[in-house]
Amino acid sequence: MLYYRTTLNIFVFGMENEKIRQIFLYKDYFSNFYEKQKQKVKEKILWTFRIIETIQQVPTEYFKYLEGTDGLYEIRVQFGSDIYRIFCFFDEGKLVVLANGFQKKTKKTPKQEIEKALKIKKEYELEITISKNKK
């Protein structure tokens, strides 16, 4: 059973395009990170989400596949000199499921953050498989 699966209702002025993909939260992994951010950072995160939801080919400046991982992507947010990363993955091609987020303080992405995201992805996939098998 999923803890919760919620869509983000995001509206950014000037970006009213039809959604190409949906962003979903899985449990509270992302929410815990998001709630700790300053309001301006939250706004930039939501703006970036809207780009990912509405643009067919999202620039790698905002959304990038992580080489050497099993389907893991990073949402890239920069606010001033601060850099944030939010890990995510696809489900059924158009669903972006948010995993963990963190503020990047070094040039290289910390290995423990990638491992945490991969663990969340496996947990999600297991729960989806179990819920499909119950039907």
N, C-alpha and C. Protein backbone atom coordinates (compact mmCIF):
# COMPACT_ATOMS: atom_id res chain seq x y z
N MET A 1 0.84 -1.18 0.00
CA MET A 1 0.00 0.00 0.00
C MET A 1 0.89 1.25 0.00
N LEU A 2 0.56 2.21 -0.82
CA LEU A 2 1.33 3.46 -0.85
C LEU A 2 0.93 4.34 0.32
N TYR A 3 1.91 4.99 0.89
CA TYR A 3 1.66 5.90 2.00
C TYR A 3 0.78 7.05 1.54
N TYR A 4 1.17 7.71 0.49
CA TYR A 4 0.32 8.63 -0.24
C TYR A 4 0.92 8.91 -1.59
N ARG A 5 0.06 9.30 -2.48
CA ARG A 5 0.49 9.58 -3.84
C ARG A 5 -0.31 10.80 -4.30
N THR A 6 0.33 11.93 -4.29
CA THR A 6 -0.36 13.19 -4.51
C THR A 6 0.25 13.93 -5.69
N THR A 7 -0.57 14.60 -6.50
CA THR A 7 0.00 15.44 -7.54
C THR A 7 0.23 16.83 -6.95
N LEU A 8 1.19 17.51 -7.49
CA LEU A 8 1.42 18.90 -7.11
C LEU A 8 0.55 19.77 -8.00
N ASN A 9 -0.21 20.63 -7.41
CA ASN A 9 -0.99 21.58 -8.19
C ASN A 9 -0.15 22.84 -8.32
N ILE A 10 0.43 23.01 -9.49
CA ILE A 10 1.36 24.10 -9.71
C ILE A 10 0.82 25.00 -10.80
N PHE A 11 0.79 26.28 -10.55
CA PHE A 11 0.44 27.22 -11.59
C PHE A 11 1.46 28.34 -11.56
N VAL A 12 2.10 28.54 -12.66
CA VAL A 12 3.07 29.62 -12.78
C VAL A 12 2.59 30.51 -13.91
N PHE A 13 2.44 31.78 -13.65
CA PHE A 13 1.95 32.72 -14.65
C PHE A 13 2.80 32.65 -15.90
N GLY A 14 2.14 32.56 -17.04
CA GLY A 14 2.85 32.53 -18.30
C GLY A 14 3.24 31.13 -18.74
N MET A 15 2.91 30.12 -17.96
CA MET A 15 3.23 28.74 -18.32
C MET A 15 1.96 27.90 -18.22
N GLU A 16 0.93 28.26 -18.95
CA GLU A 16 -0.35 27.59 -18.86
C GLU A 16 -0.47 26.43 -19.85
N ASN A 17 0.64 26.01 -20.45
CA ASN A 17 0.61 24.92 -21.42
C ASN A 17 0.03 23.67 -20.80
N GLU A 18 -0.51 22.82 -21.69
CA GLU A 18 -1.03 21.54 -21.25
C GLU A 18 0.12 20.68 -20.71
N LYS A 19 -0.17 19.91 -19.68
CA LYS A 19 0.86 19.08 -19.08
C LYS A 19 1.18 17.89 -19.97
N ILE A 20 2.46 17.64 -20.14
CA ILE A 20 2.96 16.49 -20.89
C ILE A 20 3.21 15.34 -19.92
N ARG A 21 3.63 15.68 -18.73
CA ARG A 21 3.90 14.67 -17.70
C ARG A 21 3.41 15.19 -16.36
N GLN A 22 3.16 14.30 -15.45
CA GLN A 22 2.70 14.64 -14.11
C GLN A 22 3.83 14.43 -13.11
N ILE A 23 3.87 15.25 -12.09
CA ILE A 23 4.82 15.06 -11.00
C ILE A 23 4.02 14.59 -9.78
N PHE A 24 4.46 13.48 -9.21
CA PHE A 24 3.82 12.92 -8.03
C PHE A 24 4.82 12.86 -6.88
N LEU A 25 4.28 12.99 -5.69
CA LEU A 25 5.10 12.83 -4.49
C LEU A 25 4.92 11.40 -4.01
N TYR A 26 5.99 10.77 -3.59
CA TYR A 26 5.93 9.45 -3.00
C TYR A 26 6.32 9.56 -1.54
N LYS A 27 5.41 9.18 -0.69
CA LYS A 27 5.57 9.32 0.76
C LYS A 27 5.96 10.76 1.08
N ASP A 28 6.80 10.97 2.07
CA ASP A 28 7.13 12.34 2.45
C ASP A 28 8.61 12.67 2.23
N TYR A 29 9.28 11.89 1.41
CA TYR A 29 10.71 12.11 1.18
C TYR A 29 10.99 13.51 0.64
N PHE A 30 10.30 13.89 -0.43
CA PHE A 30 10.51 15.21 -1.00
C PHE A 30 9.92 16.31 -0.10
N SER A 31 8.72 16.06 0.42
CA SER A 31 8.03 17.07 1.24
C SER A 31 8.88 17.53 2.42
N ASN A 32 9.57 16.59 3.06
CA ASN A 32 10.43 16.94 4.20
C ASN A 32 11.51 17.94 3.78
N PHE A 33 12.10 17.72 2.61
CA PHE A 33 13.11 18.63 2.08
C PHE A 33 12.48 19.98 1.72
N TYR A 34 11.38 19.94 1.00
CA TYR A 34 10.72 21.15 0.48
C TYR A 34 10.29 22.09 1.61
N GLU A 35 9.70 21.55 2.65
CA GLU A 35 9.18 22.38 3.74
C GLU A 35 10.27 23.14 4.48
N LYS A 36 11.50 22.68 4.41
CA LYS A 36 12.61 23.34 5.11
C LYS A 36 13.20 24.52 4.31
N GLN A 37 12.76 24.70 3.07
CA GLN A 37 13.35 25.73 2.20
C GLN A 37 12.70 27.09 2.42
N LYS A 38 13.44 28.15 2.09
CA LYS A 38 12.91 29.51 2.14
C LYS A 38 11.87 29.67 1.04
N GLN A 39 10.97 30.62 1.20
CA GLN A 39 9.87 30.81 0.26
C GLN A 39 10.35 31.01 -1.19
N LYS A 40 11.37 31.81 -1.38
CA LYS A 40 11.88 32.07 -2.74
C LYS A 40 12.43 30.80 -3.38
N VAL A 41 13.07 29.95 -2.59
CA VAL A 41 13.57 28.67 -3.10
C VAL A 41 12.40 27.77 -3.46
N LYS A 42 11.37 27.74 -2.62
CA LYS A 42 10.16 26.95 -2.92
C LYS A 42 9.55 27.40 -4.25
N GLU A 43 9.48 28.70 -4.45
CA GLU A 43 8.91 29.23 -5.70
C GLU A 43 9.73 28.80 -6.91
N LYS A 44 11.05 28.82 -6.77
CA LYS A 44 11.92 28.40 -7.88
C LYS A 44 11.77 26.91 -8.15
N ILE A 45 11.62 26.12 -7.11
CA ILE A 45 11.39 24.68 -7.28
C ILE A 45 10.09 24.45 -8.04
N LEU A 46 9.03 25.11 -7.64
CA LEU A 46 7.73 24.94 -8.32
C LEU A 46 7.79 25.42 -9.76
N TRP A 47 8.51 26.50 -10.01
CA TRP A 47 8.69 27.00 -11.38
C TRP A 47 9.39 25.94 -12.23
N THR A 48 10.42 25.32 -11.68
CA THR A 48 11.16 24.27 -12.38
C THR A 48 10.27 23.06 -12.64
N PHE A 49 9.45 22.69 -11.67
CA PHE A 49 8.50 21.59 -11.87
C PHE A 49 7.57 21.87 -13.05
N ARG A 50 7.12 23.10 -13.14
CA ARG A 50 6.19 23.46 -14.22
C ARG A 50 6.88 23.31 -15.58
N ILE A 51 8.13 23.65 -15.68
CA ILE A 51 8.89 23.44 -16.92
C ILE A 51 8.91 21.96 -17.27
N ILE A 52 9.21 21.15 -16.28
CA ILE A 52 9.29 19.70 -16.51
C ILE A 52 7.93 19.13 -16.92
N GLU A 53 6.87 19.66 -16.35
CA GLU A 53 5.53 19.18 -16.67
C GLU A 53 5.04 19.60 -18.06
N THR A 54 5.53 20.71 -18.57
CA THR A 54 4.91 21.28 -19.77
C THR A 54 5.78 21.31 -21.02
N ILE A 55 7.07 21.12 -20.90
CA ILE A 55 7.95 21.21 -22.07
C ILE A 55 8.34 19.80 -22.51
N GLN A 56 8.17 19.52 -23.80
CA GLN A 56 8.46 18.18 -24.32
C GLN A 56 9.93 17.80 -24.10
N GLN A 57 10.85 18.62 -24.55
CA GLN A 57 12.27 18.36 -24.36
C GLN A 57 12.81 19.35 -23.33
N VAL A 58 12.90 18.89 -22.10
CA VAL A 58 13.34 19.75 -21.01
C VAL A 58 14.86 19.93 -21.10
N PRO A 59 15.34 21.18 -21.08
CA PRO A 59 16.79 21.41 -21.12
C PRO A 59 17.50 20.74 -19.94
N THR A 60 18.71 20.23 -20.19
CA THR A 60 19.47 19.56 -19.14
C THR A 60 19.84 20.52 -18.00
N GLU A 61 19.68 21.78 -18.23
CA GLU A 61 19.89 22.76 -17.16
C GLU A 61 18.90 22.52 -16.01
N TYR A 62 17.74 21.93 -16.33
CA TYR A 62 16.69 21.71 -15.33
C TYR A 62 16.42 20.24 -15.02
N PHE A 63 16.76 19.35 -15.94
CA PHE A 63 16.36 17.94 -15.79
C PHE A 63 17.37 17.07 -16.51
N LYS A 64 18.02 16.16 -15.78
CA LYS A 64 19.09 15.40 -16.40
C LYS A 64 19.11 13.96 -15.89
N TYR A 65 19.34 13.02 -16.82
CA TYR A 65 19.51 11.61 -16.47
C TYR A 65 20.85 11.43 -15.77
N LEU A 66 20.85 10.64 -14.71
CA LEU A 66 22.10 10.36 -13.99
C LEU A 66 22.72 9.09 -14.55
N GLU A 67 23.81 9.25 -15.25
CA GLU A 67 24.51 8.11 -15.85
C GLU A 67 24.89 7.10 -14.78
N GLY A 68 24.82 5.82 -15.13
CA GLY A 68 25.23 4.77 -14.22
C GLY A 68 24.22 4.43 -13.15
N THR A 69 23.00 4.95 -13.27
CA THR A 69 21.94 4.62 -12.32
C THR A 69 20.85 3.88 -13.07
N ASP A 70 19.98 3.26 -12.34
CA ASP A 70 18.88 2.50 -12.92
C ASP A 70 17.65 3.41 -13.08
N GLY A 71 17.71 4.33 -14.05
CA GLY A 71 16.55 5.17 -14.34
C GLY A 71 16.37 6.37 -13.43
N LEU A 72 17.41 6.82 -12.80
CA LEU A 72 17.32 7.96 -11.89
C LEU A 72 17.64 9.26 -12.63
N TYR A 73 16.86 10.29 -12.36
CA TYR A 73 17.05 11.62 -12.93
C TYR A 73 17.22 12.62 -11.80
N GLU A 74 17.79 13.77 -12.12
CA GLU A 74 17.86 14.84 -11.14
C GLU A 74 17.20 16.08 -11.71
N ILE A 75 16.37 16.69 -10.88
CA ILE A 75 15.79 17.98 -11.18
C ILE A 75 16.77 18.99 -10.61
N ARG A 76 17.17 19.92 -11.46
CA ARG A 76 18.24 20.85 -11.09
C ARG A 76 17.66 22.25 -10.88
N VAL A 77 17.86 22.75 -9.68
CA VAL A 77 17.33 24.07 -9.31
C VAL A 77 18.48 24.92 -8.80
N GLN A 78 18.58 26.13 -9.34
CA GLN A 78 19.59 27.06 -8.85
C GLN A 78 18.89 28.35 -8.46
N PHE A 79 19.19 28.81 -7.26
CA PHE A 79 18.66 30.08 -6.78
C PHE A 79 19.83 30.88 -6.25
N GLY A 80 20.20 31.92 -6.99
CA GLY A 80 21.39 32.69 -6.64
C GLY A 80 22.60 31.77 -6.77
N SER A 81 23.41 31.72 -5.74
CA SER A 81 24.58 30.85 -5.78
C SER A 81 24.29 29.47 -5.17
N ASP A 82 23.07 29.26 -4.70
CA ASP A 82 22.69 27.98 -4.09
C ASP A 82 22.17 27.02 -5.15
N ILE A 83 22.60 25.77 -5.05
CA ILE A 83 22.21 24.73 -6.00
C ILE A 83 21.49 23.63 -5.24
N TYR A 84 20.35 23.21 -5.80
CA TYR A 84 19.54 22.15 -5.20
C TYR A 84 19.33 21.05 -6.21
N ARG A 85 19.23 19.82 -5.71
CA ARG A 85 18.95 18.67 -6.56
C ARG A 85 17.80 17.89 -5.94
N ILE A 86 16.90 17.46 -6.82
CA ILE A 86 15.77 16.64 -6.41
C ILE A 86 15.80 15.40 -7.31
N PHE A 87 15.94 14.24 -6.70
CA PHE A 87 15.98 13.02 -7.49
C PHE A 87 14.56 12.56 -7.81
N CYS A 88 14.43 11.95 -8.98
CA CYS A 88 13.13 11.47 -9.41
C CYS A 88 13.32 10.34 -10.42
N PHE A 89 12.21 9.72 -10.80
CA PHE A 89 12.23 8.64 -11.78
C PHE A 89 10.86 8.58 -12.43
N PHE A 90 10.79 7.89 -13.55
CA PHE A 90 9.54 7.78 -14.29
C PHE A 90 8.79 6.51 -13.92
N ASP A 91 7.49 6.60 -14.00
CA ASP A 91 6.61 5.45 -13.86
C ASP A 91 5.61 5.52 -15.01
N GLU A 92 5.54 4.48 -15.81
CA GLU A 92 4.64 4.43 -16.96
C GLU A 92 4.91 5.55 -17.95
N GLY A 93 6.15 5.94 -18.10
CA GLY A 93 6.56 6.86 -19.14
C GLY A 93 6.33 8.34 -18.91
N LYS A 94 5.24 8.73 -18.26
CA LYS A 94 4.94 10.16 -18.15
C LYS A 94 4.84 10.65 -16.71
N LEU A 95 5.02 9.79 -15.77
CA LEU A 95 4.88 10.15 -14.38
C LEU A 95 6.26 10.35 -13.77
N VAL A 96 6.49 11.51 -13.20
CA VAL A 96 7.76 11.77 -12.51
C VAL A 96 7.49 11.64 -11.02
N VAL A 97 8.12 10.69 -10.38
CA VAL A 97 7.91 10.43 -8.96
C VAL A 97 9.08 11.05 -8.20
N LEU A 98 8.78 11.96 -7.32
CA LEU A 98 9.84 12.65 -6.58
C LEU A 98 10.35 11.81 -5.42
N ALA A 99 11.65 11.72 -5.32
CA ALA A 99 12.29 11.01 -4.21
C ALA A 99 12.85 12.06 -3.26
N ASN A 100 14.12 12.00 -2.96
CA ASN A 100 14.73 12.92 -2.01
C ASN A 100 15.30 14.16 -2.70
N GLY A 101 15.51 15.20 -1.91
CA GLY A 101 16.12 16.43 -2.39
C GLY A 101 17.19 16.87 -1.41
N PHE A 102 18.11 17.69 -1.89
CA PHE A 102 19.18 18.18 -1.02
C PHE A 102 19.80 19.43 -1.63
N GLN A 103 20.49 20.20 -0.79
CA GLN A 103 21.24 21.35 -1.29
C GLN A 103 22.64 20.86 -1.61
N LYS A 104 23.07 21.12 -2.83
CA LYS A 104 24.38 20.66 -3.30
C LYS A 104 25.45 21.64 -2.84
N LYS A 105 26.45 21.12 -2.15
CA LYS A 105 27.50 21.98 -1.61
C LYS A 105 28.87 21.67 -2.18
N THR A 106 28.94 20.59 -2.98
CA THR A 106 30.20 20.22 -3.61
C THR A 106 29.95 20.02 -5.10
N LYS A 107 31.03 19.98 -5.87
CA LYS A 107 30.90 19.82 -7.32
C LYS A 107 30.28 18.47 -7.68
N LYS A 108 30.66 17.44 -6.97
CA LYS A 108 30.17 16.10 -7.25
C LYS A 108 28.97 15.77 -6.36
N THR A 109 27.97 15.11 -6.93
CA THR A 109 26.79 14.72 -6.17
C THR A 109 27.18 13.66 -5.14
N PRO A 110 26.83 13.89 -3.86
CA PRO A 110 27.19 12.91 -2.83
C PRO A 110 26.61 11.52 -3.11
N LYS A 111 27.47 10.52 -3.01
CA LYS A 111 27.08 9.14 -3.30
C LYS A 111 25.92 8.68 -2.40
N GLN A 112 25.93 9.10 -1.14
CA GLN A 112 24.87 8.67 -0.22
C GLN A 112 23.50 9.21 -0.64
N GLU A 113 23.46 10.37 -1.29
CA GLU A 113 22.19 10.92 -1.77
C GLU A 113 21.66 10.10 -2.95
N ILE A 114 22.57 9.68 -3.83
CA ILE A 114 22.18 8.82 -4.96
C ILE A 114 21.69 7.48 -4.44
N GLU A 115 22.41 6.91 -3.49
CA GLU A 115 22.01 5.62 -2.91
C GLU A 115 20.65 5.72 -2.23
N LYS A 116 20.40 6.82 -1.54
CA LYS A 116 19.11 7.04 -0.89
C LYS A 116 17.99 7.08 -1.94
N ALA A 117 18.23 7.80 -3.03
CA ALA A 117 17.23 7.90 -4.09
C ALA A 117 16.96 6.54 -4.74
N LEU A 118 18.00 5.77 -4.97
CA LEU A 118 17.82 4.43 -5.55
C LEU A 118 17.04 3.51 -4.61
N LYS A 119 17.27 3.65 -3.32
CA LYS A 119 16.53 2.88 -2.32
C LYS A 119 15.04 3.26 -2.34
N ILE A 120 14.76 4.55 -2.44
CA ILE A 120 13.38 5.02 -2.51
C ILE A 120 12.71 4.49 -3.79
N LYS A 121 13.44 4.51 -4.90
CA LYS A 121 12.91 4.01 -6.17
C LYS A 121 12.55 2.53 -6.06
N LYS A 122 13.43 1.74 -5.47
CA LYS A 122 13.16 0.30 -5.30
C LYS A 122 11.96 0.08 -4.39
N GLU A 123 11.87 0.86 -3.32
CA GLU A 123 10.74 0.77 -2.40
C GLU A 123 9.43 1.06 -3.14
N TYR A 124 9.44 2.11 -3.94
CA TYR A 124 8.25 2.49 -4.72
C TYR A 124 7.87 1.37 -5.69
N GLU A 125 8.85 0.86 -6.44
CA GLU A 125 8.57 -0.18 -7.43
C GLU A 125 8.03 -1.44 -6.77
N LEU A 126 8.54 -1.79 -5.60
CA LEU A 126 8.05 -2.96 -4.88
C LEU A 126 6.59 -2.75 -4.46
N GLU A 127 6.28 -1.59 -3.94
CA GLU A 127 4.91 -1.29 -3.51
C GLU A 127 3.94 -1.30 -4.70
N ILE A 128 4.37 -0.77 -5.84
CA ILE A 128 3.54 -0.80 -7.06
C ILE A 128 3.30 -2.23 -7.51
N THR A 129 4.34 -3.04 -7.50
CA THR A 129 4.22 -4.45 -7.91
C THR A 129 3.26 -5.19 -6.99
N ILE A 130 3.40 -4.98 -5.70
CA ILE A 130 2.52 -5.65 -4.73
C ILE A 130 1.07 -5.20 -4.92
N SER A 131 0.85 -3.89 -5.11
CA SER A 131 -0.53 -3.40 -5.28
C SER A 131 -1.15 -3.91 -6.58
N LYS A 132 -0.36 -4.06 -7.65
CA LYS A 132 -0.88 -4.60 -8.92
C LYS A 132 -1.22 -6.07 -8.77
N ASN A 133 -0.43 -6.81 -8.01
CA ASN A 133 -0.67 -8.23 -7.82
C ASN A 133 -1.90 -8.51 -6.98
N LYS A 134 -2.30 -7.56 -6.14
CA LYS A 134 -3.50 -7.71 -5.31
C LYS A 134 -4.79 -7.52 -6.12
N LYS A 135 -4.67 -6.90 -7.28
CA LYS A 135 -5.86 -6.60 -8.09
C LYS A 135 -6.30 -7.76 -8.86
